[in-house]
Amino acid sequence: MVEEVPGSLGTSASLALRLGQTLFSSAALFFMCLDVNFYGYTAFCFLVTVMGLVIPWSMTLGLVDAYSVFVKSPSRQPGVMTVIVVGDWVLSFLSLGAASSTASVAHILMVASVPPCPLKICSRYSLSAAMAFLSWFMSFASSLFNLWILPKL
């Protein structure tokens, strides 16, 4: 039997991390899509695409976590855990890249844009980047916890 690592797949901490990822990714996507002109910037399109991938990934693994927590039988097969760890790492780094590029473009639009970016729209872009950073942080944490448990399988 593998020892329980808080935050690894099948724990209540992992369920909380997955729910947070889903919530913050959905918020990032929501705030970005409130403005219909986001498609004019590649960084914003990248954020929408990545968050569109993170949401179903986090929701699916959240359902797996919920099942494991309520049934009390975490399923940790080495092949499945490897896929989850690789998927988490890939989506984590994509989220970091999307959040960073969105934050930098939003900052450039607020500071040096000609004509100036309306404050309301630029604030939404910045808020979307902040939500993406929070989603990245939770995704990175869960990928580290799952990576920690992988060699013990």
N, C-alpha and C. Protein backbone atom coordinates (compact mmCIF):
# COMPACT_ATOMS: atom_id res chain seq x y z
N MET A 1 0.84 -1.19 0.00
CA MET A 1 0.00 0.00 0.00
C MET A 1 0.88 1.25 0.00
N VAL A 2 0.57 2.18 -0.86
CA VAL A 2 1.31 3.43 -0.97
C VAL A 2 0.85 4.38 0.11
N GLU A 3 1.80 5.04 0.77
CA GLU A 3 1.41 6.00 1.81
C GLU A 3 0.66 7.18 1.20
N GLU A 4 -0.17 7.77 2.01
CA GLU A 4 -1.02 8.88 1.57
C GLU A 4 -0.21 10.19 1.56
N VAL A 5 -0.09 10.80 0.42
CA VAL A 5 0.55 12.10 0.30
C VAL A 5 -0.56 13.13 0.08
N PRO A 6 -0.72 14.07 1.02
CA PRO A 6 -1.78 15.07 0.85
C PRO A 6 -1.61 15.83 -0.47
N GLY A 7 -2.64 15.91 -1.24
CA GLY A 7 -2.60 16.59 -2.52
C GLY A 7 -2.43 15.67 -3.70
N SER A 8 -2.07 14.40 -3.45
CA SER A 8 -1.95 13.47 -4.56
C SER A 8 -3.32 12.95 -4.96
N LEU A 9 -3.39 12.35 -6.11
CA LEU A 9 -4.66 11.87 -6.67
C LEU A 9 -5.41 10.99 -5.68
N GLY A 10 -6.68 11.27 -5.51
CA GLY A 10 -7.53 10.46 -4.65
C GLY A 10 -7.65 10.98 -3.24
N THR A 11 -7.11 12.15 -2.95
CA THR A 11 -7.21 12.72 -1.60
C THR A 11 -8.15 13.92 -1.62
N SER A 12 -8.60 14.31 -0.44
CA SER A 12 -9.49 15.47 -0.37
C SER A 12 -8.74 16.76 -0.72
N ALA A 13 -7.44 16.81 -0.40
CA ALA A 13 -6.65 17.99 -0.78
C ALA A 13 -6.54 18.10 -2.30
N SER A 14 -6.39 16.97 -2.97
CA SER A 14 -6.35 16.98 -4.43
C SER A 14 -7.69 17.43 -5.00
N LEU A 15 -8.78 17.00 -4.38
CA LEU A 15 -10.10 17.43 -4.82
C LEU A 15 -10.23 18.94 -4.69
N ALA A 16 -9.74 19.50 -3.57
CA ALA A 16 -9.79 20.95 -3.38
C ALA A 16 -8.94 21.67 -4.42
N LEU A 17 -7.76 21.13 -4.72
CA LEU A 17 -6.90 21.74 -5.74
C LEU A 17 -7.57 21.70 -7.11
N ARG A 18 -8.19 20.58 -7.45
CA ARG A 18 -8.86 20.45 -8.76
C ARG A 18 -10.06 21.39 -8.86
N LEU A 19 -10.81 21.51 -7.77
CA LEU A 19 -11.94 22.44 -7.80
C LEU A 19 -11.46 23.88 -7.94
N GLY A 20 -10.36 24.21 -7.26
CA GLY A 20 -9.77 25.54 -7.40
C GLY A 20 -9.28 25.81 -8.81
N GLN A 21 -8.63 24.81 -9.41
CA GLN A 21 -8.18 24.96 -10.80
C GLN A 21 -9.35 25.23 -11.72
N THR A 22 -10.41 24.46 -11.55
CA THR A 22 -11.58 24.62 -12.40
C THR A 22 -12.20 26.00 -12.20
N LEU A 23 -12.32 26.42 -10.95
CA LEU A 23 -12.91 27.71 -10.64
C LEU A 23 -12.09 28.86 -11.22
N PHE A 24 -10.78 28.87 -10.97
CA PHE A 24 -9.95 29.97 -11.44
C PHE A 24 -9.78 29.95 -12.96
N SER A 25 -9.72 28.77 -13.56
CA SER A 25 -9.63 28.69 -15.02
C SER A 25 -10.92 29.20 -15.67
N SER A 26 -12.04 28.83 -15.08
CA SER A 26 -13.33 29.32 -15.60
C SER A 26 -13.44 30.83 -15.45
N ALA A 27 -12.96 31.36 -14.33
CA ALA A 27 -13.00 32.81 -14.11
C ALA A 27 -12.09 33.53 -15.11
N ALA A 28 -10.90 32.97 -15.36
CA ALA A 28 -9.99 33.57 -16.34
C ALA A 28 -10.63 33.60 -17.72
N LEU A 29 -11.25 32.50 -18.09
CA LEU A 29 -11.92 32.43 -19.38
C LEU A 29 -13.11 33.39 -19.44
N PHE A 30 -13.87 33.47 -18.37
CA PHE A 30 -15.03 34.35 -18.30
C PHE A 30 -14.62 35.82 -18.46
N PHE A 31 -13.63 36.26 -17.68
CA PHE A 31 -13.22 37.66 -17.73
C PHE A 31 -12.59 38.01 -19.08
N MET A 32 -11.91 37.07 -19.69
CA MET A 32 -11.32 37.34 -21.00
C MET A 32 -12.41 37.44 -22.06
N CYS A 33 -13.40 36.60 -21.97
CA CYS A 33 -14.43 36.56 -23.02
C CYS A 33 -15.53 37.60 -22.83
N LEU A 34 -15.47 38.38 -21.74
CA LEU A 34 -16.43 39.48 -21.60
C LEU A 34 -16.21 40.53 -22.67
N ASP A 35 -14.98 40.65 -23.13
CA ASP A 35 -14.66 41.61 -24.19
C ASP A 35 -14.60 40.86 -25.51
N VAL A 36 -15.32 41.33 -26.49
CA VAL A 36 -15.37 40.64 -27.76
C VAL A 36 -14.13 40.90 -28.62
N ASN A 37 -13.25 41.79 -28.20
CA ASN A 37 -12.07 42.10 -28.99
C ASN A 37 -10.81 41.37 -28.53
N PHE A 38 -10.94 40.38 -27.67
CA PHE A 38 -9.76 39.68 -27.18
C PHE A 38 -9.02 38.94 -28.29
N TYR A 39 -9.73 38.55 -29.33
CA TYR A 39 -9.12 37.77 -30.42
C TYR A 39 -8.12 38.59 -31.23
N GLY A 40 -8.03 39.87 -30.98
CA GLY A 40 -7.07 40.71 -31.71
C GLY A 40 -5.64 40.57 -31.21
N TYR A 41 -5.45 39.87 -30.09
CA TYR A 41 -4.13 39.69 -29.51
C TYR A 41 -3.86 38.20 -29.33
N THR A 42 -2.73 37.76 -29.83
CA THR A 42 -2.38 36.35 -29.79
C THR A 42 -2.28 35.83 -28.36
N ALA A 43 -1.73 36.64 -27.46
CA ALA A 43 -1.59 36.21 -26.07
C ALA A 43 -2.95 35.93 -25.44
N PHE A 44 -3.94 36.73 -25.77
CA PHE A 44 -5.26 36.52 -25.20
C PHE A 44 -5.92 35.27 -25.79
N CYS A 45 -5.71 35.04 -27.07
CA CYS A 45 -6.23 33.82 -27.70
C CYS A 45 -5.57 32.58 -27.10
N PHE A 46 -4.26 32.70 -26.81
CA PHE A 46 -3.53 31.61 -26.19
C PHE A 46 -4.10 31.29 -24.81
N LEU A 47 -4.40 32.33 -24.04
CA LEU A 47 -4.98 32.12 -22.71
C LEU A 47 -6.34 31.43 -22.81
N VAL A 48 -7.17 31.87 -23.74
CA VAL A 48 -8.49 31.26 -23.90
C VAL A 48 -8.36 29.79 -24.30
N THR A 49 -7.42 29.49 -25.19
CA THR A 49 -7.21 28.10 -25.62
C THR A 49 -6.72 27.23 -24.47
N VAL A 50 -5.74 27.72 -23.73
CA VAL A 50 -5.18 26.93 -22.63
C VAL A 50 -6.22 26.73 -21.53
N MET A 51 -6.95 27.77 -21.17
CA MET A 51 -7.97 27.63 -20.14
C MET A 51 -9.09 26.69 -20.62
N GLY A 52 -9.34 26.70 -21.92
CA GLY A 52 -10.31 25.77 -22.49
C GLY A 52 -9.85 24.32 -22.39
N LEU A 53 -8.54 24.09 -22.29
CA LEU A 53 -8.01 22.74 -22.07
C LEU A 53 -7.94 22.39 -20.59
N VAL A 54 -7.62 23.37 -19.76
CA VAL A 54 -7.45 23.12 -18.33
C VAL A 54 -8.79 22.79 -17.67
N ILE A 55 -9.84 23.45 -18.08
CA ILE A 55 -11.14 23.25 -17.42
C ILE A 55 -11.62 21.80 -17.51
N PRO A 56 -11.70 21.18 -18.70
CA PRO A 56 -12.16 19.78 -18.71
C PRO A 56 -11.17 18.82 -18.04
N TRP A 57 -9.86 19.11 -18.15
CA TRP A 57 -8.85 18.27 -17.49
C TRP A 57 -9.07 18.29 -15.97
N SER A 58 -9.21 19.48 -15.41
CA SER A 58 -9.39 19.62 -13.96
C SER A 58 -10.72 19.06 -13.51
N MET A 59 -11.75 19.27 -14.29
CA MET A 59 -13.06 18.73 -13.91
C MET A 59 -13.05 17.21 -13.91
N THR A 60 -12.43 16.62 -14.91
CA THR A 60 -12.37 15.15 -14.99
C THR A 60 -11.59 14.58 -13.81
N LEU A 61 -10.42 15.15 -13.53
CA LEU A 61 -9.64 14.65 -12.41
C LEU A 61 -10.30 14.99 -11.08
N GLY A 62 -11.07 16.07 -11.03
CA GLY A 62 -11.84 16.37 -9.83
C GLY A 62 -12.91 15.31 -9.58
N LEU A 63 -13.53 14.83 -10.65
CA LEU A 63 -14.51 13.75 -10.50
C LEU A 63 -13.85 12.47 -10.02
N VAL A 64 -12.65 12.18 -10.54
CA VAL A 64 -11.89 11.01 -10.09
C VAL A 64 -11.56 11.15 -8.60
N ASP A 65 -11.13 12.34 -8.21
CA ASP A 65 -10.82 12.59 -6.81
C ASP A 65 -12.05 12.44 -5.93
N ALA A 66 -13.17 13.00 -6.37
CA ALA A 66 -14.41 12.91 -5.60
C ALA A 66 -14.82 11.45 -5.42
N TYR A 67 -14.73 10.69 -6.49
CA TYR A 67 -15.06 9.26 -6.40
C TYR A 67 -14.13 8.56 -5.42
N SER A 68 -12.84 8.84 -5.52
CA SER A 68 -11.86 8.19 -4.63
C SER A 68 -12.05 8.59 -3.18
N VAL A 69 -12.40 9.85 -2.93
CA VAL A 69 -12.59 10.32 -1.56
C VAL A 69 -13.84 9.70 -0.96
N PHE A 70 -14.93 9.66 -1.70
CA PHE A 70 -16.18 9.18 -1.14
C PHE A 70 -16.27 7.66 -1.09
N VAL A 71 -15.59 6.97 -2.00
CA VAL A 71 -15.59 5.52 -1.98
C VAL A 71 -14.44 4.99 -1.13
N LYS A 72 -13.48 5.84 -0.86
CA LYS A 72 -12.30 5.53 -0.04
C LYS A 72 -11.41 4.46 -0.66
N SER A 73 -11.28 4.53 -1.98
CA SER A 73 -10.36 3.60 -2.65
C SER A 73 -9.62 4.32 -3.77
N PRO A 74 -8.51 4.99 -3.43
CA PRO A 74 -7.76 5.68 -4.48
C PRO A 74 -7.15 4.68 -5.47
N SER A 75 -7.37 4.91 -6.73
CA SER A 75 -6.85 4.05 -7.78
C SER A 75 -5.56 4.65 -8.30
N ARG A 76 -4.45 4.03 -7.94
CA ARG A 76 -3.15 4.57 -8.35
C ARG A 76 -2.38 3.52 -9.13
N GLN A 77 -2.66 3.43 -10.39
CA GLN A 77 -1.91 2.53 -11.25
C GLN A 77 -0.77 3.33 -11.88
N PRO A 78 0.42 2.74 -11.96
CA PRO A 78 1.58 3.50 -12.45
C PRO A 78 1.38 4.13 -13.83
N GLY A 79 0.76 3.43 -14.75
CA GLY A 79 0.55 3.98 -16.09
C GLY A 79 -0.40 5.16 -16.09
N VAL A 80 -1.47 5.05 -15.33
CA VAL A 80 -2.45 6.14 -15.23
C VAL A 80 -1.83 7.34 -14.54
N MET A 81 -1.08 7.09 -13.46
CA MET A 81 -0.44 8.19 -12.74
C MET A 81 0.59 8.90 -13.60
N THR A 82 1.30 8.16 -14.45
CA THR A 82 2.27 8.78 -15.35
C THR A 82 1.59 9.72 -16.32
N VAL A 83 0.46 9.29 -16.89
CA VAL A 83 -0.30 10.14 -17.80
C VAL A 83 -0.80 11.38 -17.08
N ILE A 84 -1.27 11.22 -15.86
CA ILE A 84 -1.78 12.36 -15.10
C ILE A 84 -0.65 13.34 -14.77
N VAL A 85 0.51 12.81 -14.37
CA VAL A 85 1.65 13.69 -14.05
C VAL A 85 2.11 14.44 -15.30
N VAL A 86 2.23 13.76 -16.41
CA VAL A 86 2.66 14.42 -17.65
C VAL A 86 1.63 15.45 -18.09
N GLY A 87 0.35 15.10 -18.03
CA GLY A 87 -0.71 16.05 -18.38
C GLY A 87 -0.72 17.26 -17.48
N ASP A 88 -0.53 17.04 -16.18
CA ASP A 88 -0.47 18.16 -15.25
C ASP A 88 0.72 19.07 -15.54
N TRP A 89 1.88 18.49 -15.81
CA TRP A 89 3.07 19.30 -16.08
C TRP A 89 2.90 20.11 -17.36
N VAL A 90 2.39 19.47 -18.39
CA VAL A 90 2.21 20.17 -19.67
C VAL A 90 1.21 21.32 -19.50
N LEU A 91 0.06 21.04 -18.91
CA LEU A 91 -0.94 22.09 -18.73
C LEU A 91 -0.48 23.16 -17.74
N SER A 92 0.33 22.76 -16.77
CA SER A 92 0.86 23.73 -15.83
C SER A 92 1.77 24.74 -16.52
N PHE A 93 2.68 24.25 -17.34
CA PHE A 93 3.58 25.17 -18.04
C PHE A 93 2.87 25.98 -19.12
N LEU A 94 1.89 25.39 -19.76
CA LEU A 94 1.09 26.16 -20.71
C LEU A 94 0.30 27.25 -20.00
N SER A 95 -0.23 26.95 -18.83
CA SER A 95 -0.96 27.95 -18.04
C SER A 95 -0.05 29.09 -17.61
N LEU A 96 1.16 28.74 -17.18
CA LEU A 96 2.11 29.77 -16.78
C LEU A 96 2.47 30.67 -17.96
N GLY A 97 2.70 30.07 -19.11
CA GLY A 97 3.01 30.86 -20.30
C GLY A 97 1.86 31.75 -20.72
N ALA A 98 0.65 31.21 -20.67
CA ALA A 98 -0.52 31.99 -21.07
C ALA A 98 -0.78 33.13 -20.08
N ALA A 99 -0.66 32.84 -18.79
CA ALA A 99 -0.88 33.88 -17.78
C ALA A 99 0.18 34.98 -17.89
N SER A 100 1.43 34.58 -18.09
CA SER A 100 2.51 35.57 -18.19
C SER A 100 2.36 36.44 -19.43
N SER A 101 2.06 35.82 -20.56
CA SER A 101 1.92 36.61 -21.78
C SER A 101 0.70 37.53 -21.70
N THR A 102 -0.38 37.05 -21.11
CA THR A 102 -1.57 37.89 -20.96
C THR A 102 -1.30 39.07 -20.04
N ALA A 103 -0.61 38.80 -18.94
CA ALA A 103 -0.29 39.89 -18.00
C ALA A 103 0.61 40.93 -18.65
N SER A 104 1.59 40.48 -19.43
CA SER A 104 2.50 41.45 -20.06
C SER A 104 1.80 42.26 -21.14
N VAL A 105 0.96 41.63 -21.94
CA VAL A 105 0.24 42.37 -22.98
C VAL A 105 -0.76 43.33 -22.35
N ALA A 106 -1.44 42.90 -21.29
CA ALA A 106 -2.38 43.80 -20.61
C ALA A 106 -1.64 45.00 -20.03
N HIS A 107 -0.46 44.77 -19.47
CA HIS A 107 0.33 45.88 -18.92
C HIS A 107 0.77 46.84 -20.03
N ILE A 108 1.22 46.29 -21.14
CA ILE A 108 1.64 47.14 -22.27
C ILE A 108 0.46 47.95 -22.79
N LEU A 109 -0.71 47.32 -22.87
CA LEU A 109 -1.89 48.04 -23.33
C LEU A 109 -2.28 49.17 -22.39
N MET A 110 -2.10 48.95 -21.09
CA MET A 110 -2.46 50.00 -20.13
C MET A 110 -1.45 51.14 -20.14
N VAL A 111 -0.18 50.83 -20.34
CA VAL A 111 0.86 51.85 -20.22
C VAL A 111 1.15 52.56 -21.53
N ALA A 112 1.33 51.81 -22.60
CA ALA A 112 1.86 52.42 -23.83
C ALA A 112 0.93 52.31 -25.02
N SER A 113 -0.31 52.08 -24.80
CA SER A 113 -1.22 51.88 -25.92
C SER A 113 -1.64 53.22 -26.54
N VAL A 114 -1.64 53.23 -27.85
CA VAL A 114 -2.13 54.40 -28.58
C VAL A 114 -3.16 53.89 -29.56
N PRO A 115 -4.42 54.20 -29.46
CA PRO A 115 -5.07 54.98 -28.41
C PRO A 115 -5.11 54.17 -27.11
N PRO A 116 -5.29 54.85 -25.99
CA PRO A 116 -5.26 54.16 -24.71
C PRO A 116 -6.35 53.10 -24.60
N CYS A 117 -5.99 52.02 -23.95
CA CYS A 117 -6.95 50.95 -23.71
C CYS A 117 -7.94 51.42 -22.65
N PRO A 118 -9.24 51.26 -22.89
CA PRO A 118 -10.21 51.66 -21.86
C PRO A 118 -9.92 50.90 -20.56
N LEU A 119 -9.95 51.62 -19.47
CA LEU A 119 -9.58 51.06 -18.17
C LEU A 119 -10.41 49.83 -17.82
N LYS A 120 -11.69 49.86 -18.15
CA LYS A 120 -12.57 48.74 -17.83
C LYS A 120 -12.12 47.47 -18.56
N ILE A 121 -11.76 47.59 -19.81
CA ILE A 121 -11.35 46.43 -20.60
C ILE A 121 -9.98 45.94 -20.16
N CYS A 122 -9.03 46.85 -19.96
CA CYS A 122 -7.69 46.44 -19.52
C CYS A 122 -7.74 45.83 -18.13
N SER A 123 -8.64 46.30 -17.30
CA SER A 123 -8.79 45.71 -15.96
C SER A 123 -9.28 44.27 -16.06
N ARG A 124 -10.17 44.02 -17.00
CA ARG A 124 -10.65 42.65 -17.21
C ARG A 124 -9.52 41.75 -17.68
N TYR A 125 -8.69 42.26 -18.59
CA TYR A 125 -7.54 41.47 -19.06
C TYR A 125 -6.60 41.16 -17.91
N SER A 126 -6.34 42.14 -17.06
CA SER A 126 -5.45 41.93 -15.91
C SER A 126 -6.07 40.95 -14.91
N LEU A 127 -7.36 41.07 -14.68
CA LEU A 127 -8.04 40.15 -13.78
C LEU A 127 -8.02 38.73 -14.33
N SER A 128 -8.18 38.61 -15.62
CA SER A 128 -8.12 37.30 -16.26
C SER A 128 -6.72 36.69 -16.10
N ALA A 129 -5.69 37.51 -16.24
CA ALA A 129 -4.32 37.03 -16.05
C ALA A 129 -4.11 36.60 -14.60
N ALA A 130 -4.64 37.36 -13.65
CA ALA A 130 -4.51 37.00 -12.23
C ALA A 130 -5.18 35.66 -11.94
N MET A 131 -6.36 35.45 -12.51
CA MET A 131 -7.06 34.18 -12.31
C MET A 131 -6.28 33.03 -12.94
N ALA A 132 -5.66 33.29 -14.09
CA ALA A 132 -4.85 32.26 -14.74
C ALA A 132 -3.61 31.93 -13.90
N PHE A 133 -3.01 32.93 -13.26
CA PHE A 133 -1.88 32.66 -12.37
C PHE A 133 -2.30 31.80 -11.18
N LEU A 134 -3.47 32.09 -10.61
CA LEU A 134 -3.95 31.29 -9.49
C LEU A 134 -4.25 29.85 -9.93
N SER A 135 -4.81 29.70 -11.12
CA SER A 135 -5.05 28.37 -11.67
C SER A 135 -3.73 27.64 -11.89
N TRP A 136 -2.73 28.36 -12.41
CA TRP A 136 -1.41 27.75 -12.61
C TRP A 136 -0.82 27.28 -11.29
N PHE A 137 -0.91 28.11 -10.26
CA PHE A 137 -0.34 27.76 -8.96
C PHE A 137 -0.94 26.46 -8.44
N MET A 138 -2.25 26.32 -8.54
CA MET A 138 -2.90 25.09 -8.07
C MET A 138 -2.55 23.90 -8.95
N SER A 139 -2.46 24.12 -10.24
CA SER A 139 -2.08 23.05 -11.16
C SER A 139 -0.65 22.59 -10.90
N PHE A 140 0.23 23.54 -10.66
CA PHE A 140 1.62 23.20 -10.38
C PHE A 140 1.74 22.44 -9.06
N ALA A 141 0.97 22.84 -8.06
CA ALA A 141 0.98 22.15 -6.77
C ALA A 141 0.52 20.71 -6.92
N SER A 142 -0.58 20.49 -7.64
CA SER A 142 -1.06 19.12 -7.79
C SER A 142 -0.11 18.29 -8.63
N SER A 143 0.55 18.89 -9.61
CA SER A 143 1.52 18.12 -10.38
C SER A 143 2.73 17.73 -9.52
N LEU A 144 3.14 18.60 -8.62
CA LEU A 144 4.25 18.25 -7.72
C LEU A 144 3.86 17.13 -6.76
N PHE A 145 2.65 17.20 -6.19
CA PHE A 145 2.21 16.14 -5.28
C PHE A 145 2.11 14.80 -5.99
N ASN A 146 1.59 14.80 -7.21
CA ASN A 146 1.48 13.55 -7.95
C ASN A 146 2.85 13.04 -8.39
N LEU A 147 3.74 13.95 -8.73
CA LEU A 147 5.11 13.54 -9.08
C LEU A 147 5.80 12.93 -7.87
N TRP A 148 5.52 13.44 -6.69
CA TRP A 148 6.12 12.94 -5.45
C TRP A 148 5.74 11.48 -5.20
N ILE A 149 4.49 11.14 -5.51
CA ILE A 149 4.01 9.80 -5.23
C ILE A 149 4.35 8.81 -6.35
N LEU A 150 4.65 9.29 -7.53
CA LEU A 150 4.89 8.40 -8.68
C LEU A 150 6.00 7.38 -8.45
N PRO A 151 7.18 7.75 -7.92
CA PRO A 151 8.22 6.73 -7.72
C PRO A 151 7.85 5.66 -6.69
N LYS A 152 6.91 5.95 -5.80
CA LYS A 152 6.52 5.00 -4.76
C LYS A 152 5.57 3.94 -5.28
N LEU A 153 5.08 4.10 -6.49
CA LEU A 153 4.15 3.11 -7.03
C LEU A 153 4.94 1.96 -7.50
